[in-house]
């Protein structure tokens, strides 16, 4: 039975990734910086590989294909938004590599005088965001595997979570980077091959568009979903890239500013070219079977029911590579924040260098477990992602942009930004008419958060701590984590006698 073959192939692939992850990480020095950031020396080709693999994640494989199934060329909006986001990262944030930040909460607090309250609030939001992203990846991969292997969806989600979780726990960041790079090659070959074969199956672009309603075949499906909702979808994905901690980790871990910038430009161009692929796959599946119960099953349906078994196996690996590569990156980003910021928030001290790797592995297990619990409660990938980004990440996006480019921004404005974004998003989600008008809450959340941050910053005192002082404060704390035994952050260590 083909389902047994699909499941066996998946397990064989996972074992291969686990073995490879262990092999590439066997020379790790065992420090927190090494385990969580790869020693900050990741070269260009690995940065491109891991960024591409993270970009082509659950939203592209399950969400965007399903969206293309229902809404035609609108399925390309996900890729367009993502490409814009990563290109803006190259322009706006690649230079922060020189500051040697370890987490995004460090970076955002630096912009407002290394304020501890801002850092704590952002750290909690980042951790929630990482769990949210992880949940989306487990959800998408689980739905995909359940269809392919004919197993219970909840069991499939568990299997996916265990699959990427094991090689993350064993190898840390370098295992993620190397396995991502391999998966990037697999998923790019698989997705482009699938799109080409799907076009042949439906008789080319003429057959593709003939099988869809006219509104779906309009430019970017705007006639089908509306201009403002289309803009909102592209915006929410761009905002997600600009505010997702795993992409910031690519900056912090890169070998140099130049390496980071070049890798993001290459990734953005590749992803822009890729953006049409999910739409083609989704539309072709609609032509072949317009009666799927769940549009998220468009990708696995085409792989299992239409294409030959050998190609289906390749696409199984490609699709699950997309979800697991992104999931592993978000898991590591979440644990970095947990170790660097949240641990300090609740204990008042940094973990000792000798304990960081052990604690990080335990935190990975706990984080993936929490994400799995969230994934068990949902079955719609795009809805899950857009609501989570708008509520949790929109404020961090605005904080990053204002902090990076507006010197007058202060900690009070940052807190106002975070509150305004989340409150606006929740208000739009709670009002069906507003949700229908905007498509998702991203645009109003960003606008209100920007207004709130600017107004509150102007009516409150300017930050008195210089950028150099803020950076020195963060550097000092980070050194304690990497090189010193446990010590409280609130009291200086006792000097040696004599």
Protein backbone atom coordinates (compact mmCIF):
# COMPACT_ATOMS: atom_id res chain seq x y z
CA UNK A 1 0.00 0.00 0.00
CA UNK A 2 1.39 3.42 -1.00
CA UNK A 3 0.66 4.98 2.40
CA UNK A 4 3.11 2.55 4.01
CA UNK A 5 5.74 3.44 1.43
CA UNK A 6 5.22 7.17 2.06
CA UNK A 7 5.50 6.72 5.83
CA UNK A 8 8.58 4.53 5.49
CA UNK A 9 10.22 7.10 3.22
CA UNK A 10 9.52 9.86 5.72
CA UNK A 11 11.07 7.92 8.59
CA UNK A 12 14.13 7.08 6.49
CA UNK A 13 14.54 10.75 5.62
CA UNK A 14 14.25 11.78 9.26
CA UNK A 15 16.88 9.25 10.32
CA UNK A 16 19.18 10.61 7.59
CA UNK A 17 18.67 14.20 8.81
CA UNK A 18 19.28 13.22 12.43
CA UNK A 19 22.48 11.40 11.49
CA UNK A 20 23.71 14.27 9.36
CA UNK A 21 22.85 16.80 12.08
CA UNK A 22 24.90 14.83 14.59
CA UNK A 23 27.80 14.53 12.17
CA UNK A 24 28.10 18.24 11.36
CA UNK A 25 27.83 19.24 15.03
CA UNK A 26 30.28 16.72 16.46
CA UNK A 27 33.11 19.27 16.56
CA UNK A 28 31.05 21.87 18.44
CA UNK A 29 32.89 23.58 21.28
CA UNK A 30 29.86 23.11 23.52
CA UNK A 31 29.33 26.79 24.34
CA UNK A 32 26.00 28.62 24.29
CA UNK A 33 27.17 30.87 21.47
CA UNK A 34 28.14 27.82 19.45
CA UNK A 35 24.98 25.83 20.15
CA UNK A 36 22.54 28.73 19.59
CA UNK A 37 24.33 30.83 16.91
CA UNK A 38 26.88 28.55 15.27
CA UNK A 39 29.78 30.56 16.67
CA UNK A 40 28.64 33.61 14.63
CA UNK A 41 30.65 32.38 11.65
CA UNK A 42 28.06 30.96 9.24
CA UNK A 43 29.31 31.50 5.65
CA UNK A 44 27.38 32.85 2.68
CA UNK A 45 26.23 29.58 1.11
CA UNK A 46 24.92 28.23 4.41
CA UNK A 47 23.19 31.51 5.24
CA UNK A 48 21.49 31.44 1.83
CA UNK A 49 20.57 27.78 2.25
CA UNK A 50 19.07 28.11 5.71
CA UNK A 51 17.26 31.38 4.88
CA UNK A 52 15.74 29.93 1.70
CA UNK A 53 14.64 26.81 3.55
CA UNK A 54 13.10 28.89 6.32
CA UNK A 55 11.32 31.13 3.79
CA UNK A 56 9.85 28.19 1.88
CA UNK A 57 8.04 26.87 4.91
CA UNK A 58 4.57 25.77 5.90
CA UNK A 59 2.90 28.86 4.49
CA UNK A 60 4.41 28.22 1.06
CA UNK A 61 3.93 24.48 0.93
CA UNK A 62 0.54 24.03 2.59
CA UNK A 63 -0.93 27.50 3.08
CA UNK A 64 -0.07 29.20 -0.20
CA UNK A 65 -0.87 26.13 -2.31
CA UNK A 66 -4.22 25.82 -0.54
CA UNK A 67 -4.83 29.54 -1.01
CA UNK A 68 -4.03 29.17 -4.71
CA UNK A 69 -6.46 26.24 -4.88
CA UNK A 70 -9.27 28.48 -3.61
CA UNK A 71 -8.22 31.86 -5.00
CA UNK A 72 -6.08 31.28 -8.08
CA UNK A 73 -3.17 33.64 -8.68
CA UNK A 74 -3.68 35.13 -5.22
CA UNK A 75 -1.58 32.18 -4.07
CA UNK A 76 1.47 34.13 -5.29
CA UNK A 77 0.88 36.90 -2.75
CA UNK A 78 2.51 34.89 0.00
CA UNK A 79 5.78 34.64 -1.95
CA UNK A 80 5.69 38.28 -3.05
CA UNK A 81 5.21 39.47 0.51
CA UNK A 82 7.99 37.22 1.75
CA UNK A 83 10.40 38.41 -0.95
CA UNK A 84 9.71 42.05 -0.09
CA UNK A 85 10.26 41.27 3.59
CA UNK A 86 13.64 39.57 3.15
CA UNK A 87 14.89 42.25 0.74
CA UNK A 88 13.96 44.92 3.30
CA UNK A 89 15.86 42.92 5.91
CA UNK A 90 18.93 43.12 3.68
CA UNK A 91 18.61 46.89 3.33
CA UNK A 92 17.45 47.88 6.80
CA UNK A 93 18.77 45.35 9.31
CA UNK A 94 21.80 43.49 7.92
CA UNK A 95 24.09 46.19 9.42
CA UNK A 96 23.07 45.26 12.98
CA UNK A 97 25.30 42.17 12.63
CA UNK A 98 28.19 44.34 13.84
CA UNK A 99 26.56 44.78 17.27
CA UNK A 100 26.79 41.05 18.07
CA UNK A 101 23.24 40.75 19.37
CA UNK A 102 22.13 37.30 20.42
CA UNK A 103 18.34 37.80 20.39
CA UNK A 104 15.85 40.18 18.83
CA UNK A 105 14.80 41.36 22.29
CA UNK A 106 18.38 42.55 22.87
CA UNK A 107 18.25 44.42 19.58
CA UNK A 108 14.92 46.15 20.20
CA UNK A 109 15.87 47.11 23.75
CA UNK A 110 19.16 48.57 22.46
CA UNK A 111 17.22 51.06 20.36
CA UNK A 112 15.64 52.51 23.54
CA UNK A 113 18.62 52.56 25.89
CA UNK A 114 18.77 48.82 26.67
CA UNK A 115 15.59 49.27 28.69
CA UNK A 116 14.89 46.17 30.76
CA UNK A 117 11.08 46.46 30.62
CA UNK A 118 11.06 46.64 26.83
CA UNK A 119 13.46 43.73 26.64
CA UNK A 120 11.33 41.59 28.97
CA UNK A 121 8.06 42.34 27.17
CA UNK A 122 9.60 41.73 23.75
CA UNK A 123 11.22 38.51 24.96
CA UNK A 124 7.86 37.16 26.09
CA UNK A 125 6.24 38.18 22.79
CA UNK A 126 9.08 36.60 20.82
CA UNK A 127 8.77 33.35 22.70
CA UNK A 128 5.02 33.32 22.09
CA UNK A 129 5.67 34.09 18.40
CA UNK A 130 8.17 31.24 18.10
CA UNK A 131 5.68 28.85 19.66
CA UNK A 132 3.05 30.19 17.24
CA UNK A 133 5.28 29.67 14.21
CA UNK A 134 6.26 26.24 15.43
CA UNK A 135 2.61 25.36 15.87
CA UNK A 136 1.90 26.46 12.30
CA UNK A 137 4.71 24.29 10.95
CA UNK A 138 3.63 21.27 12.97
CA UNK A 139 0.04 21.86 11.87
CA UNK A 140 0.95 22.09 8.18
CA UNK A 141 3.36 19.18 8.24
CA UNK A 142 0.90 17.07 10.21
CA UNK A 143 -1.97 17.69 7.79
CA UNK A 144 0.35 16.88 4.92
CA UNK A 145 1.73 13.68 6.45
CA UNK A 146 -1.74 12.54 7.55
CA UNK A 147 -2.94 12.65 3.95
CA UNK A 148 0.19 11.12 2.46
CA UNK A 149 0.56 8.27 4.96
CA UNK A 150 -3.15 7.77 5.78
CA UNK A 151 -2.70 8.15 9.53
CA UNK A 152 -4.56 10.12 12.22
CA UNK A 153 -3.84 13.90 11.89
CA UNK A 154 -2.94 14.26 15.56
CA UNK A 155 -0.53 11.34 15.35
CA UNK A 156 0.97 12.90 12.22
CA UNK A 157 1.54 16.20 14.05
CA UNK A 158 3.31 14.31 16.83
CA UNK A 159 5.53 12.49 14.33
CA UNK A 160 6.48 15.75 12.57
CA UNK A 161 7.30 17.44 15.90
CA UNK A 162 9.50 14.54 16.95
CA UNK A 163 11.14 14.45 13.52
CA UNK A 164 12.68 17.93 13.51
CA UNK A 165 12.90 18.08 17.31
CA UNK A 166 15.43 15.28 17.59
CA UNK A 167 18.06 16.75 15.27
CA UNK A 168 17.58 20.22 16.81
CA UNK A 169 18.20 18.86 20.31
CA UNK A 170 21.22 16.83 19.22
CA UNK A 171 23.03 19.31 17.02
CA UNK A 172 21.84 22.82 17.83
CA UNK A 173 22.09 25.71 15.38
CA UNK A 174 24.75 24.27 13.06
CA UNK A 175 22.73 21.09 12.64
CA UNK A 176 19.75 23.27 11.71
CA UNK A 177 21.80 25.34 9.25
CA UNK A 178 23.27 22.35 7.44
CA UNK A 179 20.07 20.31 7.31
CA UNK A 180 18.22 23.45 6.15
CA UNK A 181 20.67 23.85 3.28
CA UNK A 182 20.16 20.27 2.13
CA UNK A 183 16.40 20.65 2.50
CA UNK A 184 16.48 23.90 0.49
CA UNK A 185 17.90 22.02 -2.49
CA UNK A 186 15.37 19.20 -2.11
CA UNK A 187 12.36 21.45 -1.75
CA UNK A 188 13.32 23.79 -4.61
CA UNK A 189 13.82 20.88 -6.99
CA UNK A 190 10.65 19.21 -5.74
CA UNK A 191 8.39 22.25 -5.95
CA UNK A 192 9.52 23.40 -9.38
CA UNK A 193 9.27 19.85 -10.72
CA UNK A 194 5.81 19.50 -9.27
CA UNK A 195 4.66 22.79 -10.81
CA UNK A 196 6.00 21.76 -14.21
CA UNK A 197 4.37 18.35 -14.11
CA UNK A 198 1.10 19.86 -12.87
CA UNK A 199 1.05 22.25 -15.84
CA UNK A 200 1.60 19.35 -18.22
CA UNK A 201 -1.18 17.37 -16.53
CA UNK A 202 -3.77 20.13 -17.00
CA UNK A 203 -2.70 21.13 -20.52
CA UNK A 204 -0.49 24.14 -19.86
CA UNK A 205 -1.49 27.63 -18.75
CA UNK A 206 -4.58 27.57 -20.95
CA UNK A 207 -5.90 24.50 -19.19
CA UNK A 208 -4.87 25.94 -15.83
CA UNK A 209 -6.90 29.12 -16.21
CA UNK A 210 -9.79 27.46 -18.04
CA UNK A 211 -10.52 25.33 -14.99
CA UNK A 212 -10.78 28.30 -12.60
CA UNK A 213 -13.38 31.02 -12.34
CA UNK A 214 -12.51 34.29 -14.06
CA UNK A 215 -11.99 36.22 -10.83
CA UNK A 216 -9.33 33.73 -9.68
CA UNK A 217 -7.35 34.18 -12.89
CA UNK A 218 -7.19 37.97 -12.62
CA UNK A 219 -3.91 39.69 -11.74
CA UNK A 220 -2.87 38.22 -8.36
CA UNK A 221 -6.47 37.11 -7.88
CA UNK A 222 -7.46 40.65 -6.86
CA UNK A 223 -10.90 40.33 -8.46
CA UNK A 224 -11.48 37.25 -6.28
CA UNK A 225 -10.27 38.40 -2.86
CA UNK A 226 -10.32 42.20 -3.22
CA UNK A 227 -7.56 44.76 -3.50
CA UNK A 228 -7.23 45.63 0.18
CA UNK A 229 -7.29 42.00 1.41
CA UNK A 230 -4.65 41.16 -1.24
CA UNK A 231 -2.45 44.00 0.00
CA UNK A 232 -3.09 42.87 3.58
CA UNK A 233 -1.97 39.32 2.83
CA UNK A 234 1.27 40.44 1.19
CA UNK A 235 1.81 42.94 4.01
CA UNK A 236 1.28 40.46 6.82
CA UNK A 237 3.82 38.08 5.31
CA UNK A 238 6.38 40.88 4.81
CA UNK A 239 5.83 42.05 8.38
CA UNK A 240 6.20 38.48 9.57
CA UNK A 241 9.60 38.14 7.88
CA UNK A 242 10.79 41.50 9.21
CA UNK A 243 9.75 40.64 12.77
CA UNK A 244 10.26 36.88 12.99
CA UNK A 245 13.15 36.05 15.37
CA UNK A 246 14.49 33.19 13.23
CA UNK A 247 15.38 35.62 10.42
CA UNK A 248 17.11 37.92 12.90
CA UNK A 249 19.16 34.91 13.98
CA UNK A 250 20.43 34.64 10.42
CA UNK A 251 21.76 38.17 10.85
CA UNK A 252 23.34 37.58 14.24
CA UNK A 253 24.98 34.30 13.18
CA UNK A 254 26.33 35.40 9.79
CA UNK A 255 30.05 35.77 9.26
CA UNK A 256 29.84 39.50 8.45
CA UNK A 257 27.46 42.30 7.48
CA UNK A 258 28.39 41.77 3.83
CA UNK A 259 27.68 38.03 4.06
CA UNK A 260 24.27 38.64 5.62
CA UNK A 261 23.26 41.32 3.13
CA UNK A 262 24.30 39.31 0.07
CA UNK A 263 22.57 36.18 1.34
CA UNK A 264 19.30 38.06 1.94
CA UNK A 265 19.37 39.66 -1.52
CA UNK A 266 19.96 36.26 -3.14
CA UNK A 267 17.20 34.71 -1.02
CA UNK A 268 14.76 37.51 -1.85
CA UNK A 269 15.28 37.12 -5.58
CA UNK A 270 14.98 33.33 -5.41
CA UNK A 271 11.81 33.59 -3.36
CA UNK A 272 10.31 36.12 -5.75
CA UNK A 273 10.86 33.65 -8.58
CA UNK A 274 9.37 30.92 -6.41
CA UNK A 275 6.21 32.91 -5.57
CA UNK A 276 4.30 31.74 -8.66
CA UNK A 277 4.95 28.05 -7.95
CA UNK A 278 2.43 27.53 -5.11
CA UNK A 279 -0.28 29.28 -7.16
CA UNK A 280 0.35 26.98 -10.13
CA UNK A 281 0.25 23.86 -7.97
CA UNK A 282 -2.92 24.99 -6.20
CA UNK A 283 -4.74 25.95 -9.38
CA UNK A 284 -3.74 22.75 -11.16
CA UNK A 285 -5.08 20.72 -8.25
CA UNK A 286 -8.35 22.64 -8.41
CA UNK A 287 -8.67 21.80 -12.10
CA UNK A 288 -8.06 18.11 -11.39
CA UNK A 289 -10.24 17.92 -8.26
CA UNK A 290 -12.41 20.95 -7.43
CA UNK A 291 -14.14 19.17 -4.53
CA UNK A 292 -11.48 18.78 -1.86
CA UNK A 293 -12.92 19.11 1.65
CA UNK A 294 -9.92 21.11 2.86
CA UNK A 295 -7.89 23.27 0.49
CA UNK A 296 -4.79 22.61 2.61
CA UNK A 297 -4.79 19.10 1.15
CA UNK A 298 -4.20 20.40 -2.40
CA UNK A 299 -0.45 19.74 -2.29
CA UNK A 300 -0.58 16.17 -0.93
CA UNK A 301 -3.52 15.28 -3.22
CA UNK A 302 -1.51 16.16 -6.30
CA UNK A 303 1.53 14.28 -5.01
CA UNK A 304 -0.31 11.10 -4.05
CA UNK A 305 -3.23 10.83 -6.45
CA UNK A 306 -1.94 12.32 -9.70
CA UNK A 307 1.82 11.94 -9.99
CA UNK A 308 3.73 8.63 -10.29
CA UNK A 309 4.83 6.99 -7.04
CA UNK A 310 8.52 7.87 -7.42
CA UNK A 311 7.79 11.54 -7.95
CA UNK A 312 5.27 11.46 -5.12
CA UNK A 313 7.99 10.22 -2.77
CA UNK A 314 10.29 13.05 -3.85
CA UNK A 315 7.54 15.58 -3.27
CA UNK A 316 6.74 14.04 0.10
CA UNK A 317 10.31 14.78 1.13
CA UNK A 318 10.18 18.26 -0.45
CA UNK A 319 6.96 19.24 1.28
CA UNK A 320 8.00 17.97 4.68
CA UNK A 321 11.44 19.54 4.23
CA UNK A 322 9.70 22.88 3.86
CA UNK A 323 7.83 22.54 7.14
CA UNK A 324 10.64 21.00 9.17
CA UNK A 325 13.35 23.40 8.04
CA UNK A 326 11.26 26.38 9.11
CA UNK A 327 10.18 24.68 12.33
CA UNK A 328 13.72 23.89 13.40
CA UNK A 329 14.77 27.50 12.84
CA UNK A 330 11.91 28.87 14.93
CA UNK A 331 12.62 26.34 17.67
CA UNK A 332 16.24 27.50 17.98
CA UNK A 333 15.19 31.17 17.90
CA UNK A 334 12.68 30.60 20.68
CA UNK A 335 15.19 28.81 22.86
CA UNK A 336 17.81 31.55 22.33
CA UNK A 337 15.30 34.05 23.71
CA UNK A 338 14.41 31.72 26.55
CA UNK A 339 18.05 31.30 27.57
CA UNK A 340 19.24 34.87 26.99
CA UNK A 341 16.24 36.87 28.20
CA UNK A 342 13.40 34.96 29.85
CA UNK A 343 15.72 32.94 32.10
CA UNK A 344 17.12 36.24 33.40
CA UNK A 345 13.63 37.69 33.80
CA UNK A 346 12.55 34.92 36.17
CA UNK A 347 15.82 34.10 37.95
CA UNK A 348 17.67 37.42 38.01
CA UNK A 349 20.83 35.82 36.62
CA UNK A 350 22.25 34.39 33.45
CA UNK A 351 22.82 30.63 33.12
CA UNK A 352 26.43 29.62 33.54
CA UNK A 353 28.39 28.80 30.42
CA UNK A 354 28.74 25.17 31.45
CA UNK A 355 24.96 24.76 31.74
CA UNK A 356 23.76 26.66 28.63
CA UNK A 357 23.81 23.73 26.21
CA UNK A 358 22.06 21.36 28.63
CA UNK A 359 19.43 23.95 29.51
CA UNK A 360 18.97 24.78 25.82
CA UNK A 361 18.27 21.15 24.97
CA UNK A 362 15.73 20.87 27.77
CA UNK A 363 14.14 24.13 26.64
CA UNK A 364 13.89 22.82 23.07
CA UNK A 365 11.91 19.82 24.27
CA UNK A 366 9.56 22.03 26.31
CA UNK A 367 9.12 24.59 23.50
CA UNK A 368 8.31 22.01 20.85
CA UNK A 369 5.88 20.37 23.27
CA UNK A 370 4.02 23.65 23.80
CA UNK A 371 3.85 24.27 20.05
CA UNK A 372 2.50 20.77 19.48
CA UNK A 373 -0.27 21.45 22.00
CA UNK A 374 -1.29 24.58 20.06
CA UNK A 375 -1.13 22.75 16.72
CA UNK A 376 -3.55 20.11 17.97
CA UNK A 377 -6.26 22.79 18.26
CA UNK A 378 -6.27 24.15 14.67
CA UNK A 379 -6.55 22.97 11.06
CA UNK A 380 -6.25 26.14 8.93
CA UNK A 381 -2.68 27.19 8.21
CA UNK A 382 -3.11 30.63 6.59
CA UNK A 383 -5.69 31.78 9.16
CA UNK A 384 -3.45 30.60 11.97
CA UNK A 385 -0.38 32.39 10.58
CA UNK A 386 -2.00 35.72 9.69
CA UNK A 387 -3.73 36.13 13.04
CA UNK A 388 -0.61 35.21 14.97
CA UNK A 389 1.60 37.62 12.99
CA UNK A 390 -0.80 40.53 13.31
CA UNK A 391 -1.32 40.07 17.04
CA UNK A 392 2.22 39.23 18.15
CA UNK A 393 4.67 40.43 15.50
CA UNK A 394 3.21 43.67 14.10
CA UNK A 395 4.28 45.65 17.17
CA UNK A 396 7.80 44.23 17.06
CA UNK A 397 8.05 45.17 13.38
CA UNK A 398 7.16 48.78 14.18
CA UNK A 399 9.55 48.80 17.16
CA UNK A 400 12.36 47.65 14.92
CA UNK A 401 11.70 50.23 12.20
CA UNK A 402 11.19 53.20 14.52
CA UNK A 403 14.09 52.22 16.75
CA UNK A 404 16.45 51.73 13.82
CA UNK A 405 15.65 54.94 11.99
CA UNK A 406 14.16 57.44 14.50
CA UNK A 407 16.55 58.50 17.32
CA UNK A 408 13.75 60.15 19.34
CA UNK A 409 12.05 56.79 19.93
CA UNK A 410 12.06 55.84 23.64
CA UNK A 411 11.05 52.98 25.87
CA UNK A 412 7.63 54.46 26.61
CA UNK A 413 6.94 54.68 22.89
CA UNK A 414 8.07 51.08 22.43
CA UNK A 415 5.67 49.81 25.09
CA UNK A 416 2.86 51.87 23.54
CA UNK A 417 3.71 50.40 20.13
CA UNK A 418 3.51 46.81 21.39
CA UNK A 419 0.22 47.36 23.24
CA UNK A 420 -1.40 49.27 20.36
CA UNK A 421 -0.51 46.62 17.78
CA UNK A 422 -1.86 43.69 19.78
CA UNK A 423 -5.00 45.53 20.89
CA UNK A 424 -5.78 46.66 17.33
CA UNK A 425 -5.26 43.19 15.92
CA UNK A 426 -7.50 41.58 18.52
CA UNK A 427 -10.18 44.21 17.91
CA UNK A 428 -10.18 43.57 14.16
CA UNK A 429 -10.28 39.79 14.68
CA UNK A 430 -13.23 40.18 17.06
CA UNK A 431 -15.24 42.28 14.57
CA UNK A 432 -16.36 40.25 11.51
CA UNK A 433 -17.08 43.36 9.43
CA UNK A 434 -13.61 44.78 10.06
CA UNK A 435 -12.02 41.44 9.30
CA UNK A 436 -13.91 41.18 6.02
CA UNK A 437 -12.93 44.73 5.05
CA UNK A 438 -9.20 44.41 5.82
CA UNK A 439 -8.73 40.72 5.06
CA UNK A 440 -6.48 40.39 8.13
CA UNK A 441 -5.46 42.83 10.89
CA UNK A 442 -1.90 43.52 9.73
CA UNK A 443 -2.35 46.96 8.13
CA UNK A 444 -4.46 48.56 10.90
CA UNK A 445 -2.21 47.00 13.56
CA UNK A 446 0.92 48.50 11.97
CA UNK A 447 -0.68 51.92 11.42
CA UNK A 448 -2.07 52.25 14.95
CA UNK A 449 1.15 50.89 16.48
CA UNK A 450 3.22 53.45 14.55
CA UNK A 451 0.95 56.32 15.57
CA UNK A 452 0.96 55.23 19.20
CA UNK A 453 4.73 54.83 19.31
CA UNK A 454 5.38 58.25 17.76
CA UNK A 455 2.89 60.16 19.90
CA UNK A 456 3.95 58.59 23.20
CA UNK A 457 7.65 59.08 22.41
CA UNK A 458 7.08 62.77 21.68
CA UNK A 459 5.15 63.47 24.89
CA UNK A 460 7.60 61.63 27.18
CA UNK A 461 11.29 62.36 27.96
CA UNK A 462 13.91 61.35 25.44
CA UNK A 463 16.23 58.45 26.23
CA UNK A 464 19.30 59.66 28.18
CA UNK A 465 21.41 56.55 27.73
CA UNK A 466 23.65 56.76 24.67
CA UNK A 467 23.84 54.01 22.06
CA UNK A 468 27.39 53.20 23.18
CA UNK A 469 26.28 52.85 26.81
CA UNK A 470 23.33 50.66 25.86
CA UNK A 471 25.53 48.40 23.76
CA UNK A 472 28.15 48.14 26.52
CA UNK A 473 25.44 47.09 28.99
CA UNK A 474 24.19 44.32 26.71
CA UNK A 475 27.73 43.17 25.90
CA UNK A 476 28.55 42.89 29.60
CA UNK A 477 25.50 40.72 30.31
CA UNK A 478 26.24 38.50 27.31
CA UNK A 479 29.82 37.94 28.43
CA UNK A 480 28.57 36.64 31.76
CA UNK A 481 26.48 34.05 29.98
CA UNK A 482 29.31 32.88 27.74
CA UNK A 483 32.38 33.01 29.91
CA UNK A 484 31.54 33.34 33.58
CA UNK A 485 29.85 31.14 36.18
CA UNK A 486 26.38 31.99 37.35
CA UNK A 487 26.10 35.46 38.79
CA UNK A 488 23.21 37.77 39.54
CA UNK A 489 22.59 40.71 37.25
CA UNK A 490 21.45 42.95 40.06
CA UNK A 491 24.57 42.67 42.25
CA UNK A 492 28.25 42.81 41.30
CA UNK A 493 30.32 39.73 41.97
CA UNK A 494 32.41 39.74 45.13
CA UNK A 495 36.04 40.64 44.38
CA UNK A 496 38.71 38.18 45.37
CA UNK A 497 40.34 38.64 48.74
CA UNK A 498 43.52 40.70 48.78
